[in-house]
PDB file of N, CA and C in Angstrom:
ATOM      1  N   UNK A   1       0.839  -1.165   0.000  1.00  0.00           N
ATOM      2  CA  UNK A   1       0.000   0.000   0.000  1.00  0.00           C
ATOM      3  C   UNK A   1       0.894   1.240   0.000  1.00  0.00           C
ATOM      4  N   UNK A   2       0.585   2.165  -0.848  1.00  0.00           N
ATOM      5  CA  UNK A   2       1.401   3.366  -1.007  1.00  0.00           C
ATOM      6  C   UNK A   2       1.420   4.235   0.250  1.00  0.00           C
ATOM      7  N   UNK A   3       0.380   4.159   1.057  1.00  0.00           N
ATOM      8  CA  UNK A   3       0.313   4.989   2.264  1.00  0.00           C
ATOM      9  C   UNK A   3       1.469   4.708   3.221  1.00  0.00           C
ATOM     10  N   UNK A   4       1.877   3.465   3.302  1.00  0.00           N
ATOM     11  CA  UNK A   4       2.984   3.122   4.200  1.00  0.00           C
ATOM     12  C   UNK A   4       4.294   3.743   3.708  1.00  0.00           C
ATOM     13  N   UNK A   5       4.458   3.818   2.404  1.00  0.00           N
ATOM     14  CA  UNK A   5       5.641   4.468   1.839  1.00  0.00           C
ATOM     15  C   UNK A   5       5.610   5.964   2.135  1.00  0.00           C
ATOM     16  N   UNK A   6       4.430   6.560   2.025  1.00  0.00           N
ATOM     17  CA  UNK A   6       4.286   7.992   2.275  1.00  0.00           C
ATOM     18  C   UNK A   6       4.486   8.344   3.748  1.00  0.00           C
ATOM     19  N   UNK A   7       4.246   7.397   4.642  1.00  0.00           N
ATOM     20  CA  UNK A   7       4.493   7.643   6.067  1.00  0.00           C
ATOM     21  C   UNK A   7       5.972   7.900   6.344  1.00  0.00           C
ATOM     22  N   UNK A   8       6.834   7.423   5.465  1.00  0.00           N
ATOM     23  CA  UNK A   8       8.277   7.592   5.637  1.00  0.00           C
ATOM     24  C   UNK A   8       8.815   8.805   4.888  1.00  0.00           C
ATOM     25  N   UNK A   9       7.936   9.604   4.322  1.00  0.00           N
ATOM     26  CA  UNK A   9       8.356  10.769   3.540  1.00  0.00           C
ATOM     27  C   UNK A   9       9.053  11.802   4.423  1.00  0.00           C
ATOM     28  N   UNK A  10       9.998  12.515   3.840  1.00  0.00           N
ATOM     29  CA  UNK A  10      10.649  13.613   4.551  1.00  0.00           C
ATOM     30  C   UNK A  10       9.762  14.852   4.620  1.00  0.00           C
ATOM     31  N   UNK A  11       8.714  14.882   3.826  1.00  0.00           N
ATOM     32  CA  UNK A  11       7.768  15.997   3.806  1.00  0.00           C
ATOM     33  C   UNK A  11       6.716  15.781   4.903  1.00  0.00           C
ATOM     34  N   UNK A  12       6.686  16.661   5.897  1.00  0.00           N
ATOM     35  CA  UNK A  12       5.786  16.517   7.038  1.00  0.00           C
ATOM     36  C   UNK A  12       4.320  16.500   6.612  1.00  0.00           C
ATOM     37  N   UNK A  13       3.946  17.341   5.650  1.00  0.00           N
ATOM     38  CA  UNK A  13       2.557  17.370   5.195  1.00  0.00           C
ATOM     39  C   UNK A  13       2.159  16.046   4.556  1.00  0.00           C
ATOM     40  N   UNK A  14       3.041  15.478   3.766  1.00  0.00           N
ATOM     41  CA  UNK A  14       2.760  14.205   3.117  1.00  0.00           C
ATOM     42  C   UNK A  14       2.623  13.091   4.160  1.00  0.00           C
ATOM     43  N   UNK A  15       3.478  13.107   5.184  1.00  0.00           N
ATOM     44  CA  UNK A  15       3.393  12.108   6.262  1.00  0.00           C
ATOM     45  C   UNK A  15       2.052  12.197   6.983  1.00  0.00           C
ATOM     46  N   UNK A  16       1.636  13.417   7.303  1.00  0.00           N
ATOM     47  CA  UNK A  16       0.372  13.603   8.028  1.00  0.00           C
ATOM     48  C   UNK A  16      -0.832  13.216   7.179  1.00  0.00           C
ATOM     49  N   UNK A  17      -0.798  13.548   5.895  1.00  0.00           N
ATOM     50  CA  UNK A  17      -1.895  13.156   4.999  1.00  0.00           C
ATOM     51  C   UNK A  17      -1.986  11.636   4.899  1.00  0.00           C
ATOM     52  N   UNK A  18      -0.837  10.976   4.798  1.00  0.00           N
ATOM     53  CA  UNK A  18      -0.821   9.515   4.717  1.00  0.00           C
ATOM     54  C   UNK A  18      -1.339   8.897   6.012  1.00  0.00           C
ATOM     55  N   UNK A  19      -0.947   9.457   7.141  1.00  0.00           N
ATOM     56  CA  UNK A  19      -1.427   8.945   8.433  1.00  0.00           C
ATOM     57  C   UNK A  19      -2.939   9.109   8.541  1.00  0.00           C
ATOM     58  N   UNK A  20      -3.453  10.264   8.171  1.00  0.00           N
ATOM     59  CA  UNK A  20      -4.899  10.503   8.218  1.00  0.00           C
ATOM     60  C   UNK A  20      -5.656   9.552   7.298  1.00  0.00           C
ATOM     61  N   UNK A  21      -5.149   9.348   6.102  1.00  0.00           N
ATOM     62  CA  UNK A  21      -5.808   8.464   5.147  1.00  0.00           C
ATOM     63  C   UNK A  21      -5.769   7.015   5.635  1.00  0.00           C
ATOM     64  N   UNK A  22      -4.651   6.599   6.184  1.00  0.00           N
ATOM     65  CA  UNK A  22      -4.524   5.242   6.710  1.00  0.00           C
ATOM     66  C   UNK A  22      -5.516   5.024   7.851  1.00  0.00           C
ATOM     67  N   UNK A  23      -5.609   5.977   8.745  1.00  0.00           N
ATOM     68  CA  UNK A  23      -6.540   5.882   9.868  1.00  0.00           C
ATOM     69  C   UNK A  23      -7.972   5.795   9.351  1.00  0.00           C
ATOM     70  N   UNK A  24      -8.295   6.609   8.363  1.00  0.00           N
ATOM     71  CA  UNK A  24      -9.647   6.590   7.785  1.00  0.00           C
ATOM     72  C   UNK A  24      -9.969   5.216   7.212  1.00  0.00           C
ATOM     73  N   UNK A  25      -9.018   4.617   6.510  1.00  0.00           N
ATOM     74  CA  UNK A  25      -9.246   3.309   5.889  1.00  0.00           C
ATOM     75  C   UNK A  25      -9.365   2.199   6.927  1.00  0.00           C
ATOM     76  N   UNK A  26      -8.573   2.263   7.964  1.00  0.00           N
ATOM     77  CA  UNK A  26      -8.643   1.248   9.016  1.00  0.00           C
ATOM     78  C   UNK A  26      -9.987   1.342   9.742  1.00  0.00           C
ATOM     79  N   UNK A  27     -10.429   2.555  10.023  1.00  0.00           N
ATOM     80  CA  UNK A  27     -11.729   2.738  10.678  1.00  0.00           C
ATOM     81  C   UNK A  27     -12.852   2.232   9.778  1.00  0.00           C
ATOM     82  N   UNK A  28     -12.795   2.561   8.507  1.00  0.00           N
ATOM     83  CA  UNK A  28     -13.830   2.103   7.567  1.00  0.00           C
ATOM     84  C   UNK A  28     -13.861   0.582   7.497  1.00  0.00           C
ATOM     85  N   UNK A  29     -12.694  -0.051   7.470  1.00  0.00           N
ATOM     86  CA  UNK A  29     -12.640  -1.512   7.402  1.00  0.00           C
ATOM     87  C   UNK A  29     -13.174  -2.138   8.687  1.00  0.00           C
ATOM     88  N   UNK A  30     -12.958  -1.478   9.810  1.00  0.00           N
ATOM     89  CA  UNK A  30     -13.428  -2.025  11.081  1.00  0.00           C
ATOM     90  C   UNK A  30     -14.948  -1.971  11.197  1.00  0.00           C
ATOM     91  N   UNK A  31     -15.582  -1.116  10.409  1.00  0.00           N
ATOM     92  CA  UNK A  31     -17.046  -0.997  10.417  1.00  0.00           C
ATOM     93  C   UNK A  31     -17.702  -1.905   9.389  1.00  0.00           C
ATOM     94  N   UNK A  32     -16.902  -2.696   8.708  1.00  0.00           N
ATOM     95  CA  UNK A  32     -17.410  -3.593   7.682  1.00  0.00           C
ATOM     96  C   UNK A  32     -18.364  -4.617   8.290  1.00  0.00           C
ATOM     97  N   UNK A  33     -19.370  -4.989   7.529  1.00  0.00           N
ATOM     98  CA  UNK A  33     -20.332  -5.985   8.002  1.00  0.00           C
ATOM     99  C   UNK A  33     -19.838  -7.405   7.779  1.00  0.00           C
ATOM    100  N   UNK A  34     -18.785  -7.571   7.016  1.00  0.00           N
ATOM    101  CA  UNK A  34     -18.199  -8.887   6.769  1.00  0.00           C
ATOM    102  C   UNK A  34     -17.333  -9.283   7.970  1.00  0.00           C
ATOM    103  N   UNK A  35     -17.717 -10.323   8.714  1.00  0.00           N
ATOM    104  CA  UNK A  35     -16.919 -10.726   9.882  1.00  0.00           C
ATOM    105  C   UNK A  35     -15.476 -11.066   9.523  1.00  0.00           C
ATOM    106  N   UNK A  36     -15.265 -11.625   8.353  1.00  0.00           N
ATOM    107  CA  UNK A  36     -13.910 -11.994   7.944  1.00  0.00           C
ATOM    108  C   UNK A  36     -13.049 -10.766   7.676  1.00  0.00           C
ATOM    109  N   UNK A  37     -13.674  -9.651   7.336  1.00  0.00           N
ATOM    110  CA  UNK A  37     -12.920  -8.431   7.034  1.00  0.00           C
ATOM    111  C   UNK A  37     -12.631  -7.605   8.279  1.00  0.00           C
ATOM    112  N   UNK A  38     -13.457  -7.738   9.290  1.00  0.00           N
ATOM    113  CA  UNK A  38     -13.250  -6.960  10.505  1.00  0.00           C
ATOM    114  C   UNK A  38     -11.955  -7.382  11.175  1.00  0.00           C
ATOM    115  N   UNK A  39     -11.143  -6.438  11.503  1.00  0.00           N
ATOM    116  CA  UNK A  39      -9.886  -6.712  12.167  1.00  0.00           C
ATOM    117  C   UNK A  39      -8.740  -7.048  11.242  1.00  0.00           C
ATOM    118  N   UNK A  40      -9.028  -7.480  10.016  1.00  0.00           N
ATOM    119  CA  UNK A  40      -7.934  -7.818   9.120  1.00  0.00           C
ATOM    120  C   UNK A  40      -7.096  -6.590   8.811  1.00  0.00           C
ATOM    121  N   UNK A  41      -7.749  -5.522   8.440  1.00  0.00           N
ATOM    122  CA  UNK A  41      -6.991  -4.322   8.119  1.00  0.00           C
ATOM    123  C   UNK A  41      -6.368  -3.705   9.367  1.00  0.00           C
ATOM    124  N   UNK A  42      -7.065  -3.784  10.490  1.00  0.00           N
ATOM    125  CA  UNK A  42      -6.496  -3.275  11.740  1.00  0.00           C
ATOM    126  C   UNK A  42      -5.271  -4.090  12.127  1.00  0.00           C
ATOM    127  N   UNK A  43      -5.396  -5.408  12.069  1.00  0.00           N
ATOM    128  CA  UNK A  43      -4.265  -6.267  12.429  1.00  0.00           C
ATOM    129  C   UNK A  43      -3.077  -6.028  11.492  1.00  0.00           C
ATOM    130  N   UNK A  44      -3.367  -5.919  10.205  1.00  0.00           N
ATOM    131  CA  UNK A  44      -2.300  -5.672   9.235  1.00  0.00           C
ATOM    132  C   UNK A  44      -1.653  -4.310   9.491  1.00  0.00           C
ATOM    133  N   UNK A  45      -2.489  -3.307   9.742  1.00  0.00           N
ATOM    134  CA  UNK A  45      -1.967  -1.959   9.984  1.00  0.00           C
ATOM    135  C   UNK A  45      -1.079  -1.942  11.226  1.00  0.00           C
ATOM    136  N   UNK A  46      -1.521  -2.573  12.294  1.00  0.00           N
ATOM    137  CA  UNK A  46      -0.714  -2.593  13.521  1.00  0.00           C
ATOM    138  C   UNK A  46       0.617  -3.309  13.296  1.00  0.00           C
ATOM    139  N   UNK A  47       0.565  -4.394  12.540  1.00  0.00           N
ATOM    140  CA  UNK A  47       1.797  -5.136  12.244  1.00  0.00           C
ATOM    141  C   UNK A  47       2.748  -4.294  11.401  1.00  0.00           C
ATOM    142  N   UNK A  48       2.231  -3.688  10.343  1.00  0.00           N
ATOM    143  CA  UNK A  48       3.062  -2.864   9.456  1.00  0.00           C
ATOM    144  C   UNK A  48       3.621  -1.642  10.172  1.00  0.00           C
ATOM    145  N   UNK A  49       2.774  -0.993  10.967  1.00  0.00           N
ATOM    146  CA  UNK A  49       3.212   0.213  11.672  1.00  0.00           C
ATOM    147  C   UNK A  49       4.275  -0.120  12.717  1.00  0.00           C
ATOM    148  N   UNK A  50       4.112  -1.230  13.393  1.00  0.00           N
ATOM    149  CA  UNK A  50       5.103  -1.642  14.390  1.00  0.00           C
ATOM    150  C   UNK A  50       6.438  -1.948  13.725  1.00  0.00           C
ATOM    151  N   UNK A  51       6.402  -2.648  12.600  1.00  0.00           N
ATOM    152  CA  UNK A  51       7.639  -2.947  11.883  1.00  0.00           C
ATOM    153  C   UNK A  51       8.294  -1.674  11.349  1.00  0.00           C
ATOM    154  N   UNK A  52       7.474  -0.714  10.953  1.00  0.00           N
ATOM    155  CA  UNK A  52       8.001   0.532  10.411  1.00  0.00           C
ATOM    156  C   UNK A  52       8.776   1.360  11.422  1.00  0.00           C
ATOM    157  N   UNK A  53       8.539   1.112  12.702  1.00  0.00           N
ATOM    158  CA  UNK A  53       9.256   1.850  13.742  1.00  0.00           C
ATOM    159  C   UNK A  53      10.752   1.558  13.744  1.00  0.00           C
ATOM    160  N   UNK A  54      11.139   0.434  13.169  1.00  0.00           N
ATOM    161  CA  UNK A  54      12.561   0.072  13.157  1.00  0.00           C
ATOM    162  C   UNK A  54      13.247   0.421  11.835  1.00  0.00           C
ATOM    163  N   UNK A  55      12.574   1.175  10.989  1.00  0.00           N
ATOM    164  CA  UNK A  55      13.128   1.529   9.687  1.00  0.00           C
ATOM    165  C   UNK A  55      14.346   2.441   9.822  1.00  0.00           C
ATOM    166  N   UNK A  56      15.251   2.316   8.871  1.00  0.00           N
ATOM    167  CA  UNK A  56      16.430   3.181   8.831  1.00  0.00           C
ATOM    168  C   UNK A  56      16.178   4.474   8.060  1.00  0.00           C
ATOM    169  N   UNK A  57      15.039   4.560   7.386  1.00  0.00           N
ATOM    170  CA  UNK A  57      14.753   5.764   6.602  1.00  0.00           C
ATOM    171  C   UNK A  57      14.619   6.965   7.527  1.00  0.00           C
ATOM    172  N   UNK A  58      15.047   8.097   7.048  1.00  0.00           N
ATOM    173  CA  UNK A  58      15.184   9.301   7.862  1.00  0.00           C
ATOM    174  C   UNK A  58      13.930   9.677   8.653  1.00  0.00           C
ATOM    175  N   UNK A  59      12.791   9.720   8.022  1.00  0.00           N
ATOM    176  CA  UNK A  59      11.577  10.183   8.688  1.00  0.00           C
ATOM    177  C   UNK A  59      10.568   9.067   8.949  1.00  0.00           C
ATOM    178  N   UNK A  60      10.949   7.846   8.680  1.00  0.00           N
ATOM    179  CA  UNK A  60      10.007   6.726   8.814  1.00  0.00           C
ATOM    180  C   UNK A  60       9.540   6.544  10.253  1.00  0.00           C
ATOM    181  N   UNK A  61      10.442   6.604  11.182  1.00  0.00           N
ATOM    182  CA  UNK A  61      10.062   6.377  12.576  1.00  0.00           C
ATOM    183  C   UNK A  61       9.031   7.396  13.036  1.00  0.00           C
ATOM    184  N   UNK A  62       9.201   8.623  12.620  1.00  0.00           N
ATOM    185  CA  UNK A  62       8.261   9.670  12.997  1.00  0.00           C
ATOM    186  C   UNK A  62       6.889   9.412  12.383  1.00  0.00           C
ATOM    187  N   UNK A  63       6.845   9.148  11.099  1.00  0.00           N
ATOM    188  CA  UNK A  63       5.573   8.914  10.415  1.00  0.00           C
ATOM    189  C   UNK A  63       4.854   7.682  10.930  1.00  0.00           C
ATOM    190  N   UNK A  64       5.589   6.594  11.112  1.00  0.00           N
ATOM    191  CA  UNK A  64       4.973   5.361  11.582  1.00  0.00           C
ATOM    192  C   UNK A  64       4.520   5.490  13.031  1.00  0.00           C
ATOM    193  N   UNK A  65       5.278   6.211  13.845  1.00  0.00           N
ATOM    194  CA  UNK A  65       4.872   6.368  15.244  1.00  0.00           C
ATOM    195  C   UNK A  65       3.622   7.232  15.369  1.00  0.00           C
ATOM    196  N   UNK A  66       3.499   8.246  14.532  1.00  0.00           N
ATOM    197  CA  UNK A  66       2.291   9.077  14.539  1.00  0.00           C
ATOM    198  C   UNK A  66       1.067   8.230  14.203  1.00  0.00           C
ATOM    199  N   UNK A  67       1.159   7.472  13.132  1.00  0.00           N
ATOM    200  CA  UNK A  67       0.027   6.646  12.703  1.00  0.00           C
ATOM    201  C   UNK A  67      -0.281   5.558  13.729  1.00  0.00           C
ATOM    202  N   UNK A  68       0.732   4.912  14.272  1.00  0.00           N
ATOM    203  CA  UNK A  68       0.516   3.852  15.256  1.00  0.00           C
ATOM    204  C   UNK A  68      -0.132   4.410  16.519  1.00  0.00           C
ATOM    205  N   UNK A  69       0.311   5.559  16.956  1.00  0.00           N
ATOM    206  CA  UNK A  69      -0.276   6.181  18.146  1.00  0.00           C
ATOM    207  C   UNK A  69      -1.740   6.505  17.923  1.00  0.00           C
ATOM    208  N   UNK A  70      -2.056   7.076  16.788  1.00  0.00           N
ATOM    209  CA  UNK A  70      -3.442   7.452  16.509  1.00  0.00           C
ATOM    210  C   UNK A  70      -4.347   6.241  16.361  1.00  0.00           C
ATOM    211  N   UNK A  71      -3.899   5.226  15.640  1.00  0.00           N
ATOM    212  CA  UNK A  71      -4.711   4.015  15.459  1.00  0.00           C
ATOM    213  C   UNK A  71      -4.915   3.326  16.811  1.00  0.00           C
ATOM    214  N   UNK A  72      -3.858   3.183  17.581  1.00  0.00           N
ATOM    215  CA  UNK A  72      -3.958   2.529  18.885  1.00  0.00           C
ATOM    216  C   UNK A  72      -4.888   3.292  19.820  1.00  0.00           C
ATOM    217  N   UNK A  73      -4.741   4.593  19.865  1.00  0.00           N
ATOM    218  CA  UNK A  73      -5.579   5.420  20.729  1.00  0.00           C
ATOM    219  C   UNK A  73      -7.036   5.335  20.316  1.00  0.00           C
ATOM    220  N   UNK A  74      -7.288   5.446  19.037  1.00  0.00           N
ATOM    221  CA  UNK A  74      -8.656   5.419  18.539  1.00  0.00           C
ATOM    222  C   UNK A  74      -9.345   4.106  18.877  1.00  0.00           C
ATOM    223  N   UNK A  75      -8.680   3.004  18.637  1.00  0.00           N
ATOM    224  CA  UNK A  75      -9.308   1.704  18.901  1.00  0.00           C
ATOM    225  C   UNK A  75      -9.339   1.373  20.382  1.00  0.00           C
ATOM    226  N   UNK A  76      -8.417   1.908  21.164  1.00  0.00           N
ATOM    227  CA  UNK A  76      -8.452   1.715  22.612  1.00  0.00           C
ATOM    228  C   UNK A  76      -9.654   2.457  23.196  1.00  0.00           C
ATOM    229  N   UNK A  77      -9.902   3.670  22.724  1.00  0.00           N
ATOM    230  CA  UNK A  77     -11.046   4.456  23.207  1.00  0.00           C
ATOM    231  C   UNK A  77     -12.350   3.772  22.819  1.00  0.00           C
ATOM    232  N   UNK A  78     -12.417   3.250  21.605  1.00  0.00           N
ATOM    233  CA  UNK A  78     -13.619   2.532  21.172  1.00  0.00           C
ATOM    234  C   UNK A  78     -13.830   1.298  22.038  1.00  0.00           C
ATOM    235  N   UNK A  79     -12.764   0.560  22.304  1.00  0.00           N
ATOM    236  CA  UNK A  79     -12.874  -0.644  23.135  1.00  0.00           C
ATOM    237  C   UNK A  79     -13.340  -0.285  24.542  1.00  0.00           C
ATOM    238  N   UNK A  80     -12.836   0.811  25.103  1.00  0.00           N
ATOM    239  CA  UNK A  80     -13.254   1.242  26.433  1.00  0.00           C
ATOM    240  C   UNK A  80     -14.726   1.633  26.454  1.00  0.00           C
ATOM    241  N   UNK A  81     -15.190   2.258  25.384  1.00  0.00           N
ATOM    242  CA  UNK A  81     -16.586   2.683  25.341  1.00  0.00           C
ATOM    243  C   UNK A  81     -17.539   1.494  25.255  1.00  0.00           C
ATOM    244  N   UNK A  82     -17.045   0.351  24.805  1.00  0.00           N
ATOM    245  CA  UNK A  82     -17.875  -0.846  24.709  1.00  0.00           C
ATOM    246  C   UNK A  82     -17.965  -1.597  26.032  1.00  0.00           C
ATOM    247  N   UNK A  83     -17.100  -1.251  26.964  1.00  0.00           N
ATOM    248  CA  UNK A  83     -17.080  -1.940  28.263  1.00  0.00           C
ATOM    249  C   UNK A  83     -18.208  -1.485  29.166  1.00  0.00           C
TER     250      UNK A  83
END
């Protein structure tokens, strides 16, 4: 997915746009009515974002950490609201 590449961009605006778009897609996939699709994109995103934290690319750690923090926070808040 091109969004993961854009998360490593040296351009701050491009990184933020990619993070926002990725978050939007993960949220949309989590609302899917297909049980097999629910969590697949979230699980994949969490795996990819976690791996991206160890990248050697100059701005990758920053971009991936922003997206991982937002996705984790968003789904943690949703999980808490269901309790």
